[in-house]
């Protein structure tokens, strides 16, 4: 009898993490943690989940940073928004990576 081994899919994990991160972005921190767990389970494994979290994490971080700099025409608001955007991006990316690690470990 042949044994079927589920190796997971890194691309599917990345796609799910990115979509769920955007859809659950109204819950800061916890939404991306859930997205990371679901995407990590889909990627099946610690290493695959970590790799799958890198691209969505980078996309979210860059997107939040550039959206925060839209107010650069107003110096005081632009600086405060830039610092807040960088902090928010760090929180989101850290929660996504932590969730991916937890999901990857749960997959085994």
PDB file of N, CA and C in Angstrom:
ATOM      1  N   UNK A   1       0.847  -1.166   0.000  1.00  0.00           N
ATOM      2  CA  UNK A   1       0.000   0.000   0.000  1.00  0.00           C
ATOM      3  C   UNK A   1       0.899   1.239   0.000  1.00  0.00           C
ATOM      4  N   UNK A   2       0.627   2.154  -0.885  1.00  0.00           N
ATOM      5  CA  UNK A   2       1.429   3.375  -0.996  1.00  0.00           C
ATOM      6  C   UNK A   2       1.016   4.362   0.081  1.00  0.00           C
ATOM      7  N   UNK A   3       2.018   4.970   0.661  1.00  0.00           N
ATOM      8  CA  UNK A   3       1.764   5.969   1.703  1.00  0.00           C
ATOM      9  C   UNK A   3       1.794   7.358   1.086  1.00  0.00           C
ATOM     10  N   UNK A   4       0.756   8.125   1.294  1.00  0.00           N
ATOM     11  CA  UNK A   4       0.667   9.474   0.747  1.00  0.00           C
ATOM     12  C   UNK A   4       1.246  10.441   1.763  1.00  0.00           C
ATOM     13  N   UNK A   5       2.206  11.227   1.304  1.00  0.00           N
ATOM     14  CA  UNK A   5       2.847  12.209   2.175  1.00  0.00           C
ATOM     15  C   UNK A   5       2.411  13.600   1.728  1.00  0.00           C
ATOM     16  N   UNK A   6       1.818  14.346   2.632  1.00  0.00           N
ATOM     17  CA  UNK A   6       1.406  15.714   2.336  1.00  0.00           C
ATOM     18  C   UNK A   6       2.565  16.652   2.655  1.00  0.00           C
ATOM     19  N   UNK A   7       3.181  17.194   1.608  1.00  0.00           N
ATOM     20  CA  UNK A   7       4.314  18.082   1.811  1.00  0.00           C
ATOM     21  C   UNK A   7       3.897  19.541   1.911  1.00  0.00           C
ATOM     22  N   UNK A   8       2.647  19.820   1.728  1.00  0.00           N
ATOM     23  CA  UNK A   8       2.176  21.192   1.824  1.00  0.00           C
ATOM     24  C   UNK A   8       2.496  21.981   0.567  1.00  0.00           C
ATOM     25  N   UNK A   9       2.138  23.212   0.577  1.00  0.00           N
ATOM     26  CA  UNK A   9       2.338  24.067  -0.578  1.00  0.00           C
ATOM     27  C   UNK A   9       2.701  25.464  -0.082  1.00  0.00           C
ATOM     28  N   UNK A  10       3.936  25.858  -0.331  1.00  0.00           N
ATOM     29  CA  UNK A  10       4.409  27.165   0.152  1.00  0.00           C
ATOM     30  C   UNK A  10       3.647  28.296  -0.534  1.00  0.00           C
ATOM     31  N   UNK A  11       3.400  28.171  -1.832  1.00  0.00           N
ATOM     32  CA  UNK A  11       2.685  29.227  -2.557  1.00  0.00           C
ATOM     33  C   UNK A  11       1.259  29.401  -2.031  1.00  0.00           C
ATOM     34  N   UNK A  12       0.597  28.287  -1.725  1.00  0.00           N
ATOM     35  CA  UNK A  12      -0.760  28.382  -1.175  1.00  0.00           C
ATOM     36  C   UNK A  12      -0.721  29.021   0.211  1.00  0.00           C
ATOM     37  N   UNK A  13       0.287  28.671   1.008  1.00  0.00           N
ATOM     38  CA  UNK A  13       0.435  29.280   2.329  1.00  0.00           C
ATOM     39  C   UNK A  13       0.649  30.779   2.241  1.00  0.00           C
ATOM     40  N   UNK A  14       1.494  31.204   1.280  1.00  0.00           N
ATOM     41  CA  UNK A  14       1.741  32.636   1.078  1.00  0.00           C
ATOM     42  C   UNK A  14       0.463  33.362   0.671  1.00  0.00           C
ATOM     43  N   UNK A  15      -0.267  32.772  -0.260  1.00  0.00           N
ATOM     44  CA  UNK A  15      -1.500  33.417  -0.747  1.00  0.00           C
ATOM     45  C   UNK A  15      -2.531  33.555   0.360  1.00  0.00           C
ATOM     46  N   UNK A  16      -2.702  32.500   1.129  1.00  0.00           N
ATOM     47  CA  UNK A  16      -3.680  32.532   2.218  1.00  0.00           C
ATOM     48  C   UNK A  16      -3.261  33.546   3.279  1.00  0.00           C
ATOM     49  N   UNK A  17      -1.979  33.580   3.614  1.00  0.00           N
ATOM     50  CA  UNK A  17      -1.503  34.553   4.614  1.00  0.00           C
ATOM     51  C   UNK A  17      -1.743  35.978   4.149  1.00  0.00           C
ATOM     52  N   UNK A  18      -1.444  36.259   2.892  1.00  0.00           N
ATOM     53  CA  UNK A  18      -1.624  37.618   2.385  1.00  0.00           C
ATOM     54  C   UNK A  18      -3.103  38.004   2.353  1.00  0.00           C
ATOM     55  N   UNK A  19      -3.950  37.112   1.844  1.00  0.00           N
ATOM     56  CA  UNK A  19      -5.384  37.430   1.767  1.00  0.00           C
ATOM     57  C   UNK A  19      -6.007  37.585   3.150  1.00  0.00           C
ATOM     58  N   UNK A  20      -5.705  36.647   4.059  1.00  0.00           N
ATOM     59  CA  UNK A  20      -6.287  36.741   5.398  1.00  0.00           C
ATOM     60  C   UNK A  20      -5.731  37.939   6.172  1.00  0.00           C
ATOM     61  N   UNK A  21      -4.470  38.281   5.937  1.00  0.00           N
ATOM     62  CA  UNK A  21      -3.902  39.453   6.607  1.00  0.00           C
ATOM     63  C   UNK A  21      -4.631  40.724   6.202  1.00  0.00           C
ATOM     64  N   UNK A  22      -4.936  40.820   4.933  1.00  0.00           N
ATOM     65  CA  UNK A  22      -5.657  41.999   4.455  1.00  0.00           C
ATOM     66  C   UNK A  22      -7.106  41.982   4.955  1.00  0.00           C
ATOM     67  N   UNK A  23      -7.757  40.816   4.890  1.00  0.00           N
ATOM     68  CA  UNK A  23      -9.160  40.730   5.319  1.00  0.00           C
ATOM     69  C   UNK A  23      -9.332  40.917   6.822  1.00  0.00           C
ATOM     70  N   UNK A  24      -8.343  40.460   7.613  1.00  0.00           N
ATOM     71  CA  UNK A  24      -8.451  40.571   9.066  1.00  0.00           C
ATOM     72  C   UNK A  24      -7.609  41.726   9.624  1.00  0.00           C
ATOM     73  N   UNK A  25      -7.237  42.664   8.767  1.00  0.00           N
ATOM     74  CA  UNK A  25      -6.393  43.775   9.213  1.00  0.00           C
ATOM     75  C   UNK A  25      -7.118  44.704  10.191  1.00  0.00           C
ATOM     76  N   UNK A  26      -8.420  44.617  10.270  1.00  0.00           N
ATOM     77  CA  UNK A  26      -9.171  45.452  11.218  1.00  0.00           C
ATOM     78  C   UNK A  26      -8.987  44.969  12.651  1.00  0.00           C
ATOM     79  N   UNK A  27      -8.363  43.809  12.846  1.00  0.00           N
ATOM     80  CA  UNK A  27      -8.020  43.316  14.180  1.00  0.00           C
ATOM     81  C   UNK A  27      -6.490  43.352  14.284  1.00  0.00           C
ATOM     82  N   UNK A  28      -5.900  44.459  14.695  1.00  0.00           N
ATOM     83  CA  UNK A  28      -4.436  44.572  14.691  1.00  0.00           C
ATOM     84  C   UNK A  28      -3.761  43.496  15.543  1.00  0.00           C
ATOM     85  N   UNK A  29      -2.754  42.872  14.976  1.00  0.00           N
ATOM     86  CA  UNK A  29      -2.008  41.852  15.700  1.00  0.00           C
ATOM     87  C   UNK A  29      -2.671  40.494  15.666  1.00  0.00           C
ATOM     88  N   UNK A  30      -3.875  40.383  16.181  1.00  0.00           N
ATOM     89  CA  UNK A  30      -4.555  39.097  16.263  1.00  0.00           C
ATOM     90  C   UNK A  30      -4.984  38.591  14.891  1.00  0.00           C
ATOM     91  N   UNK A  31      -5.409  39.483  14.014  1.00  0.00           N
ATOM     92  CA  UNK A  31      -5.828  39.077  12.669  1.00  0.00           C
ATOM     93  C   UNK A  31      -4.693  38.467  11.877  1.00  0.00           C
ATOM     94  N   UNK A  32      -3.512  39.080  11.947  1.00  0.00           N
ATOM     95  CA  UNK A  32      -2.371  38.523  11.224  1.00  0.00           C
ATOM     96  C   UNK A  32      -1.831  37.272  11.911  1.00  0.00           C
ATOM     97  N   UNK A  33      -2.010  37.166  13.223  1.00  0.00           N
ATOM     98  CA  UNK A  33      -1.624  35.938  13.923  1.00  0.00           C
ATOM     99  C   UNK A  33      -2.467  34.768  13.414  1.00  0.00           C
ATOM    100  N   UNK A  34      -3.766  34.982  13.271  1.00  0.00           N
ATOM    101  CA  UNK A  34      -4.665  33.948  12.743  1.00  0.00           C
ATOM    102  C   UNK A  34      -4.278  33.624  11.293  1.00  0.00           C
ATOM    103  N   UNK A  35      -3.975  34.642  10.505  1.00  0.00           N
ATOM    104  CA  UNK A  35      -3.571  34.425   9.112  1.00  0.00           C
ATOM    105  C   UNK A  35      -2.287  33.602   9.047  1.00  0.00           C
ATOM    106  N   UNK A  36      -1.353  33.877   9.933  1.00  0.00           N
ATOM    107  CA  UNK A  36      -0.111  33.123   9.971  1.00  0.00           C
ATOM    108  C   UNK A  36      -0.318  31.670  10.363  1.00  0.00           C
ATOM    109  N   UNK A  37      -1.192  31.429  11.333  1.00  0.00           N
ATOM    110  CA  UNK A  37      -1.462  30.054  11.767  1.00  0.00           C
ATOM    111  C   UNK A  37      -2.103  29.251  10.636  1.00  0.00           C
ATOM    112  N   UNK A  38      -3.101  29.834   9.976  1.00  0.00           N
ATOM    113  CA  UNK A  38      -3.783  29.126   8.886  1.00  0.00           C
ATOM    114  C   UNK A  38      -2.821  28.888   7.721  1.00  0.00           C
ATOM    115  N   UNK A  39      -2.067  29.907   7.339  1.00  0.00           N
ATOM    116  CA  UNK A  39      -1.109  29.752   6.244  1.00  0.00           C
ATOM    117  C   UNK A  39       0.032  28.806   6.591  1.00  0.00           C
ATOM    118  N   UNK A  40       0.465  28.804   7.856  1.00  0.00           N
ATOM    119  CA  UNK A  40       1.516  27.896   8.292  1.00  0.00           C
ATOM    120  C   UNK A  40       1.075  26.446   8.259  1.00  0.00           C
ATOM    121  N   UNK A  41      -0.182  26.213   8.638  1.00  0.00           N
ATOM    122  CA  UNK A  41      -0.716  24.841   8.559  1.00  0.00           C
ATOM    123  C   UNK A  41      -0.820  24.393   7.109  1.00  0.00           C
ATOM    124  N   UNK A  42      -1.165  25.311   6.231  1.00  0.00           N
ATOM    125  CA  UNK A  42      -1.253  24.976   4.813  1.00  0.00           C
ATOM    126  C   UNK A  42       0.129  24.684   4.227  1.00  0.00           C
ATOM    127  N   UNK A  43       1.140  25.411   4.683  1.00  0.00           N
ATOM    128  CA  UNK A  43       2.496  25.203   4.181  1.00  0.00           C
ATOM    129  C   UNK A  43       3.094  23.907   4.719  1.00  0.00           C
ATOM    130  N   UNK A  44       2.595  23.405   5.824  1.00  0.00           N
ATOM    131  CA  UNK A  44       2.989  22.114   6.408  1.00  0.00           C
ATOM    132  C   UNK A  44       4.470  22.035   6.759  1.00  0.00           C
ATOM    133  N   UNK A  45       4.814  22.590   7.876  1.00  0.00           N
ATOM    134  CA  UNK A  45       6.176  22.463   8.369  1.00  0.00           C
ATOM    135  C   UNK A  45       6.741  23.793   8.822  1.00  0.00           C
ATOM    136  N   UNK A  46       7.681  23.718   9.754  1.00  0.00           N
ATOM    137  CA  UNK A  46       8.270  24.918  10.327  1.00  0.00           C
ATOM    138  C   UNK A  46       9.005  25.741   9.276  1.00  0.00           C
ATOM    139  N   UNK A  47       9.889  25.109   8.537  1.00  0.00           N
ATOM    140  CA  UNK A  47      10.687  25.823   7.535  1.00  0.00           C
ATOM    141  C   UNK A  47       9.841  26.378   6.413  1.00  0.00           C
ATOM    142  N   UNK A  48       8.921  25.566   5.920  1.00  0.00           N
ATOM    143  CA  UNK A  48       8.053  26.005   4.829  1.00  0.00           C
ATOM    144  C   UNK A  48       7.144  27.147   5.279  1.00  0.00           C
ATOM    145  N   UNK A  49       6.663  27.080   6.514  1.00  0.00           N
ATOM    146  CA  UNK A  49       5.798  28.140   7.033  1.00  0.00           C
ATOM    147  C   UNK A  49       6.569  29.445   7.193  1.00  0.00           C
ATOM    148  N   UNK A  50       7.817  29.350   7.658  1.00  0.00           N
ATOM    149  CA  UNK A  50       8.641  30.551   7.819  1.00  0.00           C
ATOM    150  C   UNK A  50       8.907  31.199   6.465  1.00  0.00           C
ATOM    151  N   UNK A  51       9.248  30.395   5.470  1.00  0.00           N
ATOM    152  CA  UNK A  51       9.496  30.918   4.126  1.00  0.00           C
ATOM    153  C   UNK A  51       8.219  31.502   3.540  1.00  0.00           C
ATOM    154  N   UNK A  52       7.092  30.837   3.783  1.00  0.00           N
ATOM    155  CA  UNK A  52       5.813  31.320   3.262  1.00  0.00           C
ATOM    156  C   UNK A  52       5.390  32.637   3.909  1.00  0.00           C
ATOM    157  N   UNK A  53       5.862  32.925   5.100  1.00  0.00           N
ATOM    158  CA  UNK A  53       5.489  34.172   5.787  1.00  0.00           C
ATOM    159  C   UNK A  53       6.362  35.350   5.377  1.00  0.00           C
ATOM    160  N   UNK A  54       7.493  35.088   4.753  1.00  0.00           N
ATOM    161  CA  UNK A  54       8.405  36.174   4.411  1.00  0.00           C
ATOM    162  C   UNK A  54       7.832  37.131   3.369  1.00  0.00           C
ATOM    163  N   UNK A  55       7.298  36.617   2.277  1.00  0.00           N
ATOM    164  CA  UNK A  55       6.781  37.498   1.228  1.00  0.00           C
ATOM    165  C   UNK A  55       5.560  38.297   1.674  1.00  0.00           C
ATOM    166  N   UNK A  56       4.514  37.661   2.247  1.00  0.00           N
ATOM    167  CA  UNK A  56       3.390  38.478   2.709  1.00  0.00           C
ATOM    168  C   UNK A  56       3.791  39.472   3.793  1.00  0.00           C
ATOM    169  N   UNK A  57       4.724  39.076   4.652  1.00  0.00           N
ATOM    170  CA  UNK A  57       5.192  39.988   5.696  1.00  0.00           C
ATOM    171  C   UNK A  57       5.878  41.204   5.102  1.00  0.00           C
ATOM    172  N   UNK A  58       6.702  40.977   4.098  1.00  0.00           N
ATOM    173  CA  UNK A  58       7.388  42.091   3.436  1.00  0.00           C
ATOM    174  C   UNK A  58       6.400  42.980   2.689  1.00  0.00           C
ATOM    175  N   UNK A  59       5.447  42.376   2.010  1.00  0.00           N
ATOM    176  CA  UNK A  59       4.444  43.156   1.267  1.00  0.00           C
ATOM    177  C   UNK A  59       3.619  44.017   2.216  1.00  0.00           C
ATOM    178  N   UNK A  60       3.179  43.436   3.325  1.00  0.00           N
ATOM    179  CA  UNK A  60       2.375  44.191   4.295  1.00  0.00           C
ATOM    180  C   UNK A  60       3.207  45.313   4.915  1.00  0.00           C
ATOM    181  N   UNK A  61       4.444  45.011   5.275  1.00  0.00           N
ATOM    182  CA  UNK A  61       5.307  46.023   5.879  1.00  0.00           C
ATOM    183  C   UNK A  61       5.563  47.193   4.948  1.00  0.00           C
ATOM    184  N   UNK A  62       5.903  46.918   3.708  1.00  0.00           N
ATOM    185  CA  UNK A  62       6.168  47.983   2.734  1.00  0.00           C
ATOM    186  C   UNK A  62       4.894  48.773   2.450  1.00  0.00           C
ATOM    187  N   UNK A  63       3.771  48.074   2.309  1.00  0.00           N
ATOM    188  CA  UNK A  63       2.509  48.742   2.042  1.00  0.00           C
ATOM    189  C   UNK A  63       2.126  49.688   3.180  1.00  0.00           C
ATOM    190  N   UNK A  64       2.225  49.219   4.415  1.00  0.00           N
ATOM    191  CA  UNK A  64       1.882  50.076   5.555  1.00  0.00           C
ATOM    192  C   UNK A  64       2.836  51.255   5.683  1.00  0.00           C
ATOM    193  N   UNK A  65       4.114  51.028   5.399  1.00  0.00           N
ATOM    194  CA  UNK A  65       5.085  52.122   5.487  1.00  0.00           C
ATOM    195  C   UNK A  65       4.776  53.200   4.453  1.00  0.00           C
ATOM    196  N   UNK A  66       4.517  52.800   3.200  1.00  0.00           N
ATOM    197  CA  UNK A  66       4.263  53.788   2.165  1.00  0.00           C
ATOM    198  C   UNK A  66       2.904  54.460   2.319  1.00  0.00           C
ATOM    199  N   UNK A  67       1.917  53.741   2.838  1.00  0.00           N
ATOM    200  CA  UNK A  67       0.627  54.379   3.075  1.00  0.00           C
ATOM    201  C   UNK A  67       0.724  55.426   4.188  1.00  0.00           C
ATOM    202  N   UNK A  68       1.598  55.175   5.160  1.00  0.00           N
ATOM    203  CA  UNK A  68       1.763  56.142   6.245  1.00  0.00           C
ATOM    204  C   UNK A  68       2.482  57.395   5.769  1.00  0.00           C
ATOM    205  N   UNK A  69       3.275  57.281   4.718  1.00  0.00           N
ATOM    206  CA  UNK A  69       4.018  58.451   4.235  1.00  0.00           C
ATOM    207  C   UNK A  69       3.209  59.289   3.243  1.00  0.00           C
ATOM    208  N   UNK A  70       1.944  58.994   3.069  1.00  0.00           N
ATOM    209  CA  UNK A  70       1.118  59.814   2.192  1.00  0.00           C
ATOM    210  C   UNK A  70       0.936  61.231   2.733  1.00  0.00           C
ATOM    211  N   UNK A  71       1.137  61.397   4.034  1.00  0.00           N
ATOM    212  CA  UNK A  71       0.947  62.702   4.662  1.00  0.00           C
ATOM    213  C   UNK A  71       2.240  63.507   4.760  1.00  0.00           C
ATOM    214  N   UNK A  72       3.225  63.230   3.914  1.00  0.00           N
ATOM    215  CA  UNK A  72       4.506  63.926   4.021  1.00  0.00           C
ATOM    216  C   UNK A  72       4.422  65.393   3.626  1.00  0.00           C
ATOM    217  N   UNK A  73       3.348  65.785   2.971  1.00  0.00           N
ATOM    218  CA  UNK A  73       3.169  67.200   2.646  1.00  0.00           C
ATOM    219  C   UNK A  73       2.918  68.038   3.893  1.00  0.00           C
ATOM    220  N   UNK A  74       2.435  67.429   4.946  1.00  0.00           N
ATOM    221  CA  UNK A  74       2.220  68.101   6.216  1.00  0.00           C
ATOM    222  C   UNK A  74       3.304  67.589   7.171  1.00  0.00           C
ATOM    223  N   UNK A  75       4.345  68.385   7.423  1.00  0.00           N
ATOM    224  CA  UNK A  75       5.529  67.871   8.127  1.00  0.00           C
ATOM    225  C   UNK A  75       5.249  67.168   9.452  1.00  0.00           C
ATOM    226  N   UNK A  76       4.516  67.771  10.355  1.00  0.00           N
ATOM    227  CA  UNK A  76       4.299  67.161  11.667  1.00  0.00           C
ATOM    228  C   UNK A  76       3.462  65.889  11.550  1.00  0.00           C
ATOM    229  N   UNK A  77       2.388  65.952  10.776  1.00  0.00           N
ATOM    230  CA  UNK A  77       1.530  64.782  10.610  1.00  0.00           C
ATOM    231  C   UNK A  77       2.269  63.685   9.861  1.00  0.00           C
ATOM    232  N   UNK A  78       3.091  64.045   8.872  1.00  0.00           N
ATOM    233  CA  UNK A  78       3.843  63.062   8.105  1.00  0.00           C
ATOM    234  C   UNK A  78       4.837  62.290   8.950  1.00  0.00           C
ATOM    235  N   UNK A  79       5.543  62.984   9.854  1.00  0.00           N
ATOM    236  CA  UNK A  79       6.516  62.312  10.717  1.00  0.00           C
ATOM    237  C   UNK A  79       5.813  61.380  11.696  1.00  0.00           C
ATOM    238  N   UNK A  80       4.750  61.857  12.311  1.00  0.00           N
ATOM    239  CA  UNK A  80       4.006  61.031  13.269  1.00  0.00           C
ATOM    240  C   UNK A  80       3.378  59.832  12.566  1.00  0.00           C
ATOM    241  N   UNK A  81       2.806  60.046  11.378  1.00  0.00           N
ATOM    242  CA  UNK A  81       2.203  58.941  10.633  1.00  0.00           C
ATOM    243  C   UNK A  81       3.266  57.948  10.184  1.00  0.00           C
ATOM    244  N   UNK A  82       4.436  58.421   9.805  1.00  0.00           N
ATOM    245  CA  UNK A  82       5.524  57.528   9.407  1.00  0.00           C
ATOM    246  C   UNK A  82       5.985  56.648  10.553  1.00  0.00           C
ATOM    247  N   UNK A  83       6.125  57.233  11.741  1.00  0.00           N
ATOM    248  CA  UNK A  83       6.527  56.440  12.910  1.00  0.00           C
ATOM    249  C   UNK A  83       5.438  55.441  13.283  1.00  0.00           C
ATOM    250  N   UNK A  84       4.190  55.857  13.229  1.00  0.00           N
ATOM    251  CA  UNK A  84       3.084  54.962  13.540  1.00  0.00           C
ATOM    252  C   UNK A  84       2.968  53.842  12.521  1.00  0.00           C
ATOM    253  N   UNK A  85       3.198  54.157  11.263  1.00  0.00           N
ATOM    254  CA  UNK A  85       3.145  53.143  10.213  1.00  0.00           C
ATOM    255  C   UNK A  85       4.238  52.111  10.367  1.00  0.00           C
ATOM    256  N   UNK A  86       5.432  52.559  10.748  1.00  0.00           N
ATOM    257  CA  UNK A  86       6.540  51.633  10.958  1.00  0.00           C
ATOM    258  C   UNK A  86       6.266  50.722  12.151  1.00  0.00           C
ATOM    259  N   UNK A  87       5.703  51.274  13.219  1.00  0.00           N
ATOM    260  CA  UNK A  87       5.348  50.468  14.391  1.00  0.00           C
ATOM    261  C   UNK A  87       4.248  49.474  14.047  1.00  0.00           C
ATOM    262  N   UNK A  88       3.240  49.914  13.322  1.00  0.00           N
ATOM    263  CA  UNK A  88       2.148  49.031  12.924  1.00  0.00           C
ATOM    264  C   UNK A  88       2.651  47.919  11.998  1.00  0.00           C
ATOM    265  N   UNK A  89       3.546  48.257  11.077  1.00  0.00           N
ATOM    266  CA  UNK A  89       4.111  47.247  10.175  1.00  0.00           C
ATOM    267  C   UNK A  89       4.907  46.214  10.962  1.00  0.00           C
ATOM    268  N   UNK A  90       5.692  46.664  11.937  1.00  0.00           N
ATOM    269  CA  UNK A  90       6.454  45.728  12.767  1.00  0.00           C
ATOM    270  C   UNK A  90       5.558  44.799  13.553  1.00  0.00           C
ATOM    271  N   UNK A  91       4.469  45.333  14.079  1.00  0.00           N
ATOM    272  CA  UNK A  91       3.518  44.512  14.831  1.00  0.00           C
ATOM    273  C   UNK A  91       2.862  43.473  13.928  1.00  0.00           C
ATOM    274  N   UNK A  92       2.456  43.892  12.759  1.00  0.00           N
ATOM    275  CA  UNK A  92       1.775  42.985  11.842  1.00  0.00           C
ATOM    276  C   UNK A  92       2.716  41.877  11.354  1.00  0.00           C
ATOM    277  N   UNK A  93       3.936  42.236  10.978  1.00  0.00           N
ATOM    278  CA  UNK A  93       4.883  41.254  10.456  1.00  0.00           C
ATOM    279  C   UNK A  93       5.313  40.285  11.557  1.00  0.00           C
ATOM    280  N   UNK A  94       5.528  40.786  12.761  1.00  0.00           N
ATOM    281  CA  UNK A  94       5.919  39.911  13.870  1.00  0.00           C
ATOM    282  C   UNK A  94       4.807  38.923  14.192  1.00  0.00           C
ATOM    283  N   UNK A  95       3.563  39.387  14.186  1.00  0.00           N
ATOM    284  CA  UNK A  95       2.433  38.493  14.462  1.00  0.00           C
ATOM    285  C   UNK A  95       2.274  37.464  13.346  1.00  0.00           C
ATOM    286  N   UNK A  96       2.519  37.861  12.094  1.00  0.00           N
ATOM    287  CA  UNK A  96       2.413  36.928  10.980  1.00  0.00           C
ATOM    288  C   UNK A  96       3.481  35.841  11.078  1.00  0.00           C
ATOM    289  N   UNK A  97       4.713  36.224  11.393  1.00  0.00           N
ATOM    290  CA  UNK A  97       5.786  35.239  11.539  1.00  0.00           C
ATOM    291  C   UNK A  97       5.528  34.297  12.715  1.00  0.00           C
ATOM    292  N   UNK A  98       5.087  34.841  13.837  1.00  0.00           N
ATOM    293  CA  UNK A  98       4.782  34.008  15.002  1.00  0.00           C
ATOM    294  C   UNK A  98       3.647  33.030  14.681  1.00  0.00           C
ATOM    295  N   UNK A  99       2.612  33.511  14.022  1.00  0.00           N
ATOM    296  CA  UNK A  99       1.512  32.643  13.631  1.00  0.00           C
ATOM    297  C   UNK A  99       1.947  31.568  12.653  1.00  0.00           C
ATOM    298  N   UNK A 100       2.833  31.927  11.714  1.00  0.00           N
ATOM    299  CA  UNK A 100       3.322  30.945  10.745  1.00  0.00           C
ATOM    300  C   UNK A 100       4.131  29.857  11.439  1.00  0.00           C
ATOM    301  N   UNK A 101       4.937  30.228  12.410  1.00  0.00           N
ATOM    302  CA  UNK A 101       5.716  29.252  13.153  1.00  0.00           C
ATOM    303  C   UNK A 101       4.787  28.319  13.934  1.00  0.00           C
ATOM    304  N   UNK A 102       3.784  28.881  14.601  1.00  0.00           N
ATOM    305  CA  UNK A 102       2.827  28.063  15.356  1.00  0.00           C
ATOM    306  C   UNK A 102       2.067  27.143  14.400  1.00  0.00           C
ATOM    307  N   UNK A 103       1.597  27.670  13.281  1.00  0.00           N
ATOM    308  CA  UNK A 103       0.871  26.856  12.306  1.00  0.00           C
ATOM    309  C   UNK A 103       1.736  25.764  11.711  1.00  0.00           C
ATOM    310  N   UNK A 104       3.004  26.087  11.446  1.00  0.00           N
ATOM    311  CA  UNK A 104       3.913  25.083  10.901  1.00  0.00           C
ATOM    312  C   UNK A 104       4.171  23.959  11.876  1.00  0.00           C
ATOM    313  N   UNK A 105       4.284  24.298  13.156  1.00  0.00           N
ATOM    314  CA  UNK A 105       4.494  23.260  14.165  1.00  0.00           C
ATOM    315  C   UNK A 105       3.240  22.438  14.402  1.00  0.00           C
ATOM    316  N   UNK A 106       2.064  23.050  14.257  1.00  0.00           N
ATOM    317  CA  UNK A 106       0.806  22.328  14.416  1.00  0.00           C
ATOM    318  C   UNK A 106       0.527  21.379  13.249  1.00  0.00           C
ATOM    319  N   UNK A 107       1.146  21.628  12.126  1.00  0.00           N
ATOM    320  CA  UNK A 107       0.890  20.819  10.936  1.00  0.00           C
ATOM    321  C   UNK A 107       1.464  19.421  11.051  1.00  0.00           C
ATOM    322  N   UNK A 108       2.441  19.241  11.901  1.00  0.00           N
ATOM    323  CA  UNK A 108       3.074  17.911  12.029  1.00  0.00           C
ATOM    324  C   UNK A 108       2.374  17.047  13.011  1.00  0.00           C
TER     325      UNK A 108
END
